[in-house]
Amino acid sequence: MMESQSGDAVEPTVLLVGTFDTKAVELASIRAAIERLDGSVITLDASVGGRSVEGAADIPADVVARAAGLTLAELGALERGTAVSAMQKGVEAKTLDLFERGQAHGVLCAAGAGAHLVAPAFQRLPLGVPKLIVTPLASGARVFEPFVGIRDVAIMHSVADIAGVNAVTEKIYAQAAGYIVGAVRAMAGVEGESPNGKPTVAVSMNGNTTAGVTEVRERMTELEFVAFHANGAGGRAMESLVAEGEFSAVLDYTTTELCGHEVGGLMDPGPDRMEGAGKAGLPQVLVPGCLDLITCGRPEEAEREFPGRVYYPHNPELTLVRLTADEMFRLGEVFARKANAARGPTAICVPMGGFSAPDRKGGLFWDPEADGAFVDALQAKLTGNVQLHLVDAHINEPSFVDVVVDSLRAMIARHTTAVAREGGVVNVNR
């Protein structure tokens, strides 16, 4: 049993989502496996074929369709892709309603192509709500972005198709039940606040900037840092959680994702990167970490997409590509525009000795002219509201970290003073 906020015992309840018009037997097996683990189940039929299997699910397909603004007959008349998009809205509405009323604690979806039906709902559920997809699509060279997005979604390869209960699938269904019930129980009593009462700071990093970020964390023990990998999805996740009020400050040490959006490569976070903290009025320190490069695929792919560049083999699957002076100048303008729009205390620290591991004197990406173009654009476009520190050091050197640490403490102090002056309260647990 779990405990509610009042301390009463609560049975872990799992929302089981699937297409009951084709997989009722399989979903019933999963339901039974959850119940054997003393879990409770609410079933939701996300079938898009236009018919409801009577008695198969606690929330039948016609109810889900109505939540999307359609009758079941109208849903069945749509092309499959359009029907799936419509049913996603119904699944999202019913799922969020159950969680807002405290009637479910985790979600499991078992499906083939129907696994996409829960994707929007999973992106709306809070961090910490267990979310599991069991599907044969979790394999091969498929892109997992449509399933995972920027939330804590677990994906389990079903090995065999979700078709029947047999010697293979019964093991998969039993494991899935164990994973979701175990995850729900594990989250019981987890409050989501900083466990040590320290202010929580979001920080961006990757392998090239790990040394610098690690030193910042070791020096600023009065803060709790949550690191986000600057790979496109990581930046989007950080921006989303900043907007949700999870953090009291941001150290954007690795802003290379801006290059992914403006120039290309694999790490495009979308147009809103490096804007969340500014819109929220949070104190922030911005660093052009790895802004000298984009990340592409294998060497032959990088050379085909960006011919005639300087390349750095990060690993057999990823190749770093050096940006030109023109591209760096454009990024400097973007950087300045986003920093100028910030409503909270903002400082920019620029490591003039190199923006990444290979961008150092004697390194493969060392190009002072290109880095200087970024600085020229930055200085030309920045307003007086943003502090700018040009530091004669490499991004991972202790002397650069000195300036970052001092700047972050100063921005947080300015923000705390401003809030106190306005009669507000600073939440030190965020």
Protein backbone atom coordinates (compact mmCIF):
# COMPACT_ATOMS: atom_id res chain seq x y z
CA MET A 1 0.00 0.00 0.00
CA MET A 2 1.02 3.62 -0.62
CA GLU A 3 0.36 6.52 1.72
CA SER A 4 -1.64 9.58 0.79
CA GLN A 5 -0.67 13.08 1.97
CA SER A 6 -2.93 12.53 4.97
CA GLY A 7 -1.01 9.35 5.82
CA ASP A 8 -3.80 6.96 4.87
CA ALA A 9 -2.95 3.80 2.94
CA VAL A 10 -3.69 4.09 -0.79
CA GLU A 11 -3.65 1.24 -3.29
CA PRO A 12 -1.36 2.06 -6.25
CA THR A 13 -3.63 2.68 -9.22
CA VAL A 14 -2.37 2.33 -12.79
CA LEU A 15 -4.11 3.76 -15.82
CA LEU A 16 -3.81 1.11 -18.54
CA VAL A 17 -4.23 2.56 -22.05
CA GLY A 18 -4.65 0.55 -25.23
CA THR A 19 -6.81 -0.21 -28.24
CA PHE A 20 -9.35 -2.67 -26.88
CA ASP A 21 -10.94 -3.30 -30.28
CA THR A 22 -7.83 -5.27 -31.28
CA LYS A 23 -5.92 -5.99 -28.04
CA ALA A 24 -8.52 -6.67 -25.34
CA VAL A 25 -7.08 -10.11 -24.48
CA GLU A 26 -3.54 -8.80 -24.19
CA LEU A 27 -4.56 -5.81 -22.08
CA ALA A 28 -6.60 -8.08 -19.82
CA SER A 29 -3.45 -10.14 -19.22
CA ILE A 30 -1.52 -7.02 -18.24
CA ARG A 31 -4.35 -5.94 -15.96
CA ALA A 32 -4.30 -9.31 -14.22
CA ALA A 33 -0.51 -9.09 -13.78
CA ILE A 34 -0.85 -5.66 -12.13
CA GLU A 35 -3.59 -6.91 -9.84
CA ARG A 36 -1.45 -9.89 -8.79
CA LEU A 37 1.02 -7.28 -7.49
CA ASP A 38 -1.76 -5.70 -5.40
CA GLY A 39 -2.18 -2.84 -7.82
CA SER A 40 -5.48 -1.38 -8.94
CA VAL A 41 -6.21 -0.73 -12.61
CA ILE A 42 -8.32 1.73 -14.56
CA THR A 43 -8.52 0.80 -18.25
CA LEU A 44 -8.97 3.32 -21.06
CA ASP A 45 -9.93 2.33 -24.59
CA ALA A 46 -8.14 4.47 -27.17
CA SER A 47 -9.45 2.56 -30.20
CA VAL A 48 -9.75 4.70 -33.33
CA GLY A 49 -11.73 2.27 -35.51
CA GLY A 50 -15.09 3.82 -34.71
CA ARG A 51 -16.51 1.06 -32.53
CA SER A 52 -16.56 0.58 -28.78
CA VAL A 53 -16.12 -2.87 -27.25
CA GLU A 54 -18.85 -3.03 -24.64
CA GLY A 55 -17.57 -3.76 -21.16
CA ALA A 56 -13.97 -4.08 -22.27
CA ALA A 57 -12.65 -0.92 -20.59
CA ASP A 58 -13.58 1.22 -17.60
CA ILE A 59 -13.39 4.27 -19.86
CA PRO A 60 -14.82 3.17 -23.22
CA ALA A 61 -13.80 4.57 -26.59
CA ASP A 62 -16.99 6.60 -27.06
CA VAL A 63 -16.30 8.49 -23.81
CA VAL A 64 -12.71 9.19 -24.92
CA ALA A 65 -13.91 10.34 -28.33
CA ARG A 66 -16.41 12.72 -26.72
CA ALA A 67 -13.57 14.22 -24.70
CA ALA A 68 -12.01 15.04 -28.08
CA GLY A 69 -15.25 16.64 -29.28
CA LEU A 70 -16.33 13.79 -31.58
CA THR A 71 -18.84 10.99 -31.64
CA LEU A 72 -17.52 7.49 -32.21
CA ALA A 73 -19.14 7.45 -35.66
CA GLU A 74 -17.41 10.71 -36.59
CA LEU A 75 -14.10 9.32 -35.37
CA GLY A 76 -14.54 6.15 -37.44
CA ALA A 77 -15.18 8.16 -40.60
CA LEU A 78 -11.79 9.90 -40.40
CA GLU A 79 -8.57 8.82 -42.11
CA ARG A 80 -6.44 6.85 -39.66
CA GLY A 81 -3.83 9.57 -39.15
CA THR A 82 -6.50 12.20 -38.49
CA ALA A 83 -8.37 9.81 -36.20
CA VAL A 84 -5.21 9.13 -34.17
CA SER A 85 -4.57 12.87 -33.76
CA ALA A 86 -8.16 13.37 -32.60
CA MET A 87 -8.07 10.46 -30.18
CA GLN A 88 -4.79 11.74 -28.72
CA LYS A 89 -6.74 14.78 -27.50
CA GLY A 90 -9.34 12.58 -25.86
CA VAL A 91 -6.71 10.39 -24.19
CA GLU A 92 -4.92 13.51 -22.95
CA ALA A 93 -8.10 15.02 -21.51
CA LYS A 94 -9.21 11.86 -19.70
CA THR A 95 -5.71 11.07 -18.43
CA LEU A 96 -5.12 14.53 -16.98
CA ASP A 97 -8.55 14.51 -15.38
CA LEU A 98 -7.81 11.24 -13.56
CA PHE A 99 -4.49 12.52 -12.25
CA GLU A 100 -5.80 15.90 -11.22
CA ARG A 101 -8.43 14.12 -9.14
CA GLY A 102 -5.86 11.76 -7.63
CA GLN A 103 -7.51 8.66 -9.06
CA ALA A 104 -4.42 7.30 -10.86
CA HIS A 105 -0.72 7.26 -9.96
CA GLY A 106 0.99 5.90 -13.10
CA VAL A 107 0.24 5.11 -16.75
CA LEU A 108 1.07 2.07 -18.86
CA CYS A 109 0.35 1.92 -22.60
CA ALA A 110 0.80 -1.37 -24.44
CA ALA A 111 0.39 -1.08 -28.20
CA GLY A 112 1.95 -1.30 -31.63
CA ALA A 113 1.49 1.83 -33.72
CA GLY A 114 -1.15 2.86 -31.18
CA ALA A 115 1.63 3.69 -28.73
CA HIS A 116 1.58 7.20 -30.22
CA LEU A 117 -1.87 7.73 -28.73
CA VAL A 118 -0.50 8.52 -25.26
CA ALA A 119 2.34 10.82 -26.39
CA PRO A 120 0.62 14.21 -25.79
CA ALA A 121 -0.79 13.06 -22.45
CA PHE A 122 2.66 11.96 -21.28
CA GLN A 123 4.10 15.39 -22.13
CA ARG A 124 1.45 17.05 -19.94
CA LEU A 125 1.81 14.78 -16.92
CA PRO A 126 4.17 16.11 -14.24
CA LEU A 127 7.73 14.93 -13.78
CA GLY A 128 7.72 12.00 -11.37
CA VAL A 129 4.47 10.42 -12.55
CA PRO A 130 5.53 6.95 -13.81
CA LYS A 131 4.94 6.64 -17.56
CA LEU A 132 5.65 3.37 -19.42
CA ILE A 133 5.16 2.42 -23.07
CA VAL A 134 5.47 -1.25 -24.09
CA THR A 135 5.73 -1.61 -27.86
CA PRO A 136 7.54 -3.46 -30.64
CA LEU A 137 8.34 -0.04 -32.11
CA ALA A 138 10.95 0.47 -29.37
CA SER A 139 13.66 -1.07 -31.51
CA GLY A 140 15.89 -0.65 -34.53
CA ALA A 141 16.80 2.73 -35.97
CA ARG A 142 13.55 4.43 -35.01
CA VAL A 143 13.53 7.91 -33.52
CA PHE A 144 12.29 7.87 -29.93
CA GLU A 145 11.46 11.57 -29.78
CA PRO A 146 7.74 11.04 -30.55
CA PHE A 147 7.43 8.73 -27.53
CA VAL A 148 9.73 10.38 -25.01
CA GLY A 149 9.68 14.09 -25.86
CA ILE A 150 10.96 15.99 -22.81
CA ARG A 151 9.34 13.91 -20.06
CA ASP A 152 10.45 10.96 -17.94
CA VAL A 153 8.92 8.32 -20.20
CA ALA A 154 10.17 4.73 -19.98
CA ILE A 155 10.12 2.63 -23.15
CA MET A 156 10.13 -1.18 -23.08
CA HIS A 157 10.71 -3.28 -26.19
CA SER A 158 8.01 -5.94 -26.33
CA VAL A 159 10.25 -8.25 -28.46
CA ALA A 160 7.17 -9.92 -29.97
CA ASP A 161 4.15 -7.97 -31.15
CA ILE A 162 1.35 -7.16 -28.71
CA ALA A 163 -0.67 -9.99 -30.20
CA GLY A 164 -1.83 -12.81 -28.00
CA VAL A 165 -0.76 -14.19 -24.64
CA ASN A 166 1.96 -16.76 -25.19
CA ALA A 167 5.29 -18.02 -23.87
CA VAL A 168 7.06 -14.82 -24.95
CA THR A 169 4.49 -12.10 -24.40
CA GLU A 170 3.37 -13.34 -20.99
CA LYS A 171 6.90 -12.66 -19.69
CA ILE A 172 6.83 -9.17 -21.22
CA TYR A 173 3.42 -8.35 -19.75
CA ALA A 174 4.50 -9.54 -16.31
CA GLN A 175 7.66 -7.42 -16.43
CA ALA A 176 5.71 -4.37 -17.57
CA ALA A 177 3.31 -4.81 -14.65
CA GLY A 178 6.22 -5.07 -12.25
CA TYR A 179 7.92 -1.98 -13.66
CA ILE A 180 4.88 0.27 -13.44
CA VAL A 181 3.68 -0.93 -10.02
CA GLY A 182 7.22 -0.71 -8.66
CA ALA A 183 7.68 2.80 -10.06
CA VAL A 184 4.38 3.99 -8.57
CA ARG A 185 5.34 2.60 -5.15
CA ALA A 186 8.82 4.10 -5.40
CA MET A 187 7.33 7.56 -5.96
CA ALA A 188 5.04 7.36 -2.93
CA GLY A 189 6.08 10.04 -0.47
CA VAL A 190 8.53 11.76 -2.83
CA GLU A 191 7.76 15.45 -2.45
CA GLY A 192 9.71 16.88 -5.38
CA GLU A 193 11.38 19.58 -3.29
CA SER A 194 15.14 19.88 -2.87
CA PRO A 195 15.98 17.19 -0.28
CA ASN A 196 18.47 19.46 1.46
CA GLY A 197 16.54 22.74 1.35
CA LYS A 198 19.04 24.43 -0.95
CA PRO A 199 18.04 26.70 -3.84
CA THR A 200 17.89 24.66 -7.04
CA VAL A 201 19.73 25.84 -10.16
CA ALA A 202 19.35 24.49 -13.70
CA VAL A 203 22.64 24.09 -15.58
CA SER A 204 23.32 23.01 -19.16
CA MET A 205 26.31 20.81 -19.95
CA ASN A 206 27.79 18.19 -22.26
CA GLY A 207 31.01 16.20 -22.42
CA ASN A 208 32.99 19.22 -23.64
CA THR A 209 31.99 21.37 -20.67
CA THR A 210 31.71 18.76 -17.92
CA ALA A 211 35.01 19.79 -16.31
CA GLY A 212 33.95 23.43 -15.94
CA VAL A 213 30.43 22.64 -14.75
CA THR A 214 31.75 20.10 -12.24
CA GLU A 215 34.07 22.69 -10.74
CA VAL A 216 31.22 25.19 -10.45
CA ARG A 217 29.13 22.62 -8.59
CA GLU A 218 31.98 21.73 -6.25
CA ARG A 219 32.58 25.37 -5.36
CA MET A 220 28.95 26.43 -4.95
CA THR A 221 27.89 23.93 -2.34
CA GLU A 222 25.21 26.31 -1.10
CA LEU A 223 23.22 25.47 -4.25
CA GLU A 224 21.75 22.29 -5.70
CA PHE A 225 22.41 21.93 -9.43
CA VAL A 226 20.25 19.98 -11.86
CA ALA A 227 22.19 19.30 -15.07
CA PHE A 228 20.59 19.04 -18.52
CA HIS A 229 22.49 17.52 -21.43
CA ALA A 230 22.70 20.02 -24.29
CA ASN A 231 21.43 17.63 -26.97
CA GLY A 232 18.27 19.39 -28.15
CA ALA A 233 15.81 17.51 -25.99
CA GLY A 234 17.79 18.37 -22.85
CA GLY A 235 17.57 22.08 -23.53
CA ARG A 236 13.86 21.89 -24.23
CA ALA A 237 13.34 19.97 -21.00
CA MET A 238 15.26 22.60 -19.06
CA GLU A 239 13.26 25.44 -20.62
CA SER A 240 10.00 23.64 -19.84
CA LEU A 241 10.86 23.05 -16.19
CA VAL A 242 12.09 26.62 -15.80
CA ALA A 243 8.72 27.81 -17.07
CA GLU A 244 6.98 25.50 -14.58
CA GLY A 245 8.80 27.18 -11.68
CA GLU A 246 11.15 24.34 -10.75
CA PHE A 247 14.29 26.50 -10.36
CA SER A 248 15.46 29.61 -8.59
CA ALA A 249 18.27 30.41 -11.08
CA VAL A 250 19.83 29.21 -14.33
CA LEU A 251 23.47 28.69 -15.29
CA ASP A 252 23.33 28.18 -19.07
CA TYR A 253 26.91 27.01 -19.42
CA THR A 254 26.46 25.06 -22.66
CA THR A 255 24.36 26.96 -25.21
CA THR A 256 25.49 24.97 -28.25
CA GLU A 257 21.86 24.05 -28.97
CA LEU A 258 21.39 27.57 -30.37
CA CYS A 259 23.76 26.47 -33.16
CA GLY A 260 21.60 23.43 -33.81
CA HIS A 261 18.61 25.68 -34.48
CA GLU A 262 20.40 28.47 -36.34
CA VAL A 263 22.91 26.43 -38.39
CA GLY A 264 21.93 22.75 -38.39
CA GLY A 265 23.05 19.35 -37.11
CA LEU A 266 21.37 17.01 -34.65
CA MET A 267 20.82 19.20 -31.59
CA ASP A 268 18.00 21.59 -32.57
CA PRO A 269 16.01 22.58 -29.45
CA GLY A 270 13.52 24.79 -31.30
CA PRO A 271 13.26 28.58 -31.39
CA ASP A 272 12.68 29.23 -27.68
CA ARG A 273 16.01 28.04 -26.30
CA MET A 274 17.71 30.42 -23.85
CA GLU A 275 14.50 32.36 -23.22
CA GLY A 276 12.74 30.65 -20.29
CA ALA A 277 14.74 32.15 -17.44
CA GLY A 278 14.55 35.59 -18.99
CA LYS A 279 10.77 35.43 -19.34
CA ALA A 280 10.43 34.17 -15.77
CA GLY A 281 12.62 36.98 -14.42
CA LEU A 282 15.09 34.52 -12.88
CA PRO A 283 18.74 35.34 -12.25
CA GLN A 284 20.89 33.76 -14.93
CA VAL A 285 24.45 33.47 -16.18
CA LEU A 286 24.93 32.70 -19.87
CA VAL A 287 28.06 31.11 -21.36
CA PRO A 288 28.69 30.40 -25.07
CA GLY A 289 29.69 26.83 -24.24
CA CYS A 290 30.36 24.84 -27.44
CA LEU A 291 28.85 27.66 -29.46
CA ASP A 292 31.77 27.19 -31.85
CA LEU A 293 30.38 23.91 -33.19
CA ILE A 294 27.44 21.84 -34.28
CA THR A 295 27.00 18.11 -33.75
CA CYS A 296 26.38 15.91 -36.78
CA GLY A 297 26.29 12.16 -37.41
CA ARG A 298 29.02 9.92 -38.80
CA PRO A 299 32.00 11.60 -40.53
CA GLU A 300 30.66 10.92 -44.02
CA GLU A 301 27.31 12.46 -43.08
CA ALA A 302 28.97 15.57 -41.63
CA GLU A 303 31.15 16.02 -44.72
CA ARG A 304 28.18 15.60 -47.04
CA GLU A 305 26.04 18.12 -45.17
CA PHE A 306 28.81 20.62 -44.35
CA PRO A 307 31.61 20.13 -46.90
CA GLY A 308 34.99 21.76 -46.58
CA ARG A 309 34.80 22.33 -42.82
CA VAL A 310 37.05 21.35 -39.93
CA TYR A 311 35.76 18.16 -38.30
CA TYR A 312 36.35 16.63 -34.88
CA PRO A 313 35.43 12.95 -34.31
CA HIS A 314 33.59 12.96 -30.96
CA ASN A 315 32.84 9.22 -31.22
CA PRO A 316 32.10 6.79 -34.09
CA GLU A 317 28.50 8.04 -34.34
CA LEU A 318 28.94 11.79 -33.76
CA THR A 319 31.13 14.32 -35.53
CA LEU A 320 31.62 17.92 -34.40
CA VAL A 321 31.79 20.57 -37.13
CA ARG A 322 33.56 23.92 -36.62
CA LEU A 323 31.44 27.00 -37.38
CA THR A 324 32.60 29.85 -39.61
CA ALA A 325 33.12 33.46 -38.62
CA ASP A 326 29.91 34.48 -40.40
CA GLU A 327 27.92 31.86 -38.50
CA MET A 328 29.49 32.91 -35.22
CA PHE A 329 28.62 36.56 -35.90
CA ARG A 330 25.00 35.59 -36.51
CA LEU A 331 24.97 33.59 -33.28
CA GLY A 332 26.34 36.58 -31.41
CA GLU A 333 23.36 38.63 -32.57
CA VAL A 334 20.93 35.89 -31.51
CA PHE A 335 22.67 35.53 -28.13
CA ALA A 336 22.43 39.27 -27.51
CA ARG A 337 18.78 39.48 -28.55
CA LYS A 338 17.74 36.73 -26.16
CA ALA A 339 19.84 38.14 -23.29
CA ASN A 340 18.46 41.67 -23.83
CA ALA A 341 14.90 40.35 -23.50
CA ALA A 342 15.53 38.95 -20.00
CA ARG A 343 13.43 40.42 -17.18
CA GLY A 344 15.78 39.24 -14.43
CA PRO A 345 19.45 39.85 -13.56
CA THR A 346 21.59 38.52 -16.41
CA ALA A 347 25.34 38.17 -16.93
CA ILE A 348 27.28 36.75 -19.87
CA CYS A 349 30.71 35.20 -19.36
CA VAL A 350 32.77 34.61 -22.52
CA PRO A 351 35.88 32.37 -22.36
CA MET A 352 38.24 34.08 -24.81
CA GLY A 353 40.63 31.12 -24.55
CA GLY A 354 38.14 28.82 -26.28
CA PHE A 355 34.49 27.79 -26.15
CA SER A 356 34.92 23.98 -26.20
CA ALA A 357 37.47 21.22 -25.60
CA PRO A 358 38.89 21.30 -29.17
CA ASP A 359 38.63 25.13 -29.29
CA ARG A 360 41.82 26.00 -27.44
CA LYS A 361 45.23 27.28 -28.51
CA GLY A 362 46.77 24.50 -30.59
CA GLY A 363 43.46 22.62 -30.75
CA LEU A 364 41.70 21.49 -33.90
CA PHE A 365 38.93 24.09 -33.55
CA TRP A 366 41.10 26.99 -32.39
CA ASP A 367 39.96 29.99 -34.48
CA PRO A 368 40.25 33.34 -32.65
CA GLU A 369 38.84 35.17 -35.68
CA ALA A 370 35.60 33.16 -35.64
CA ASP A 371 35.23 33.43 -31.87
CA GLY A 372 36.00 37.12 -32.14
CA ALA A 373 33.15 37.55 -34.63
CA PHE A 374 30.76 36.23 -31.98
CA VAL A 375 32.12 38.73 -29.45
CA ASP A 376 31.92 41.62 -31.95
CA ALA A 377 28.24 40.95 -32.62
CA LEU A 378 27.54 40.47 -28.92
CA GLN A 379 29.14 43.78 -27.95
CA ALA A 380 27.38 45.62 -30.77
CA LYS A 381 23.91 44.38 -29.85
CA LEU A 382 23.92 44.09 -26.04
CA THR A 383 22.10 46.69 -23.98
CA GLY A 384 23.29 48.09 -20.66
CA ASN A 385 21.00 45.80 -18.69
CA VAL A 386 23.25 42.78 -19.26
CA GLN A 387 26.66 42.38 -17.64
CA LEU A 388 29.37 41.15 -20.04
CA HIS A 389 32.61 39.54 -18.84
CA LEU A 390 35.31 38.74 -21.40
CA VAL A 391 37.65 36.33 -19.65
CA ASP A 392 41.14 35.49 -20.90
CA ALA A 393 40.80 31.78 -20.17
CA HIS A 394 39.45 28.54 -21.63
CA ILE A 395 35.90 27.49 -20.75
CA ASN A 396 37.08 24.66 -18.49
CA GLU A 397 39.92 26.52 -16.75
CA PRO A 398 39.63 27.43 -13.04
CA SER A 399 40.16 31.15 -13.75
CA PHE A 400 37.09 31.18 -16.00
CA VAL A 401 35.07 29.25 -13.42
CA ASP A 402 36.06 31.95 -10.89
CA VAL A 403 34.22 34.56 -12.93
CA VAL A 404 31.19 32.32 -13.53
CA VAL A 405 30.85 31.55 -9.83
CA ASP A 406 31.17 35.21 -8.83
CA SER A 407 28.66 36.23 -11.52
CA LEU A 408 26.08 33.63 -10.51
CA ARG A 409 26.31 34.63 -6.84
CA ALA A 410 25.96 38.28 -7.82
CA MET A 411 22.91 37.67 -10.04
CA ILE A 412 21.19 35.63 -7.32
CA ALA A 413 21.94 38.33 -4.74
CA ARG A 414 20.53 41.05 -7.03
CA HIS A 415 17.39 39.02 -7.60
CA THR A 416 16.94 38.31 -3.87
CA THR A 417 17.34 42.02 -3.06
CA ALA A 418 14.88 43.04 -5.79
CA VAL A 419 12.26 40.54 -4.63
CA ALA A 420 12.64 41.63 -1.00
CA ARG A 421 12.30 45.27 -2.01
CA GLU A 422 9.04 44.47 -3.79
CA GLY A 423 7.72 42.58 -0.76
CA GLY A 424 7.90 39.16 -2.41
CA VAL A 425 9.17 35.85 -1.09
CA VAL A 426 12.07 33.88 -2.54
CA ASN A 427 11.41 30.12 -2.50
CA VAL A 428 14.72 28.58 -1.42
CA ASN A 429 13.42 25.08 -2.06
CA ARG A 430 13.22 25.68 -5.81
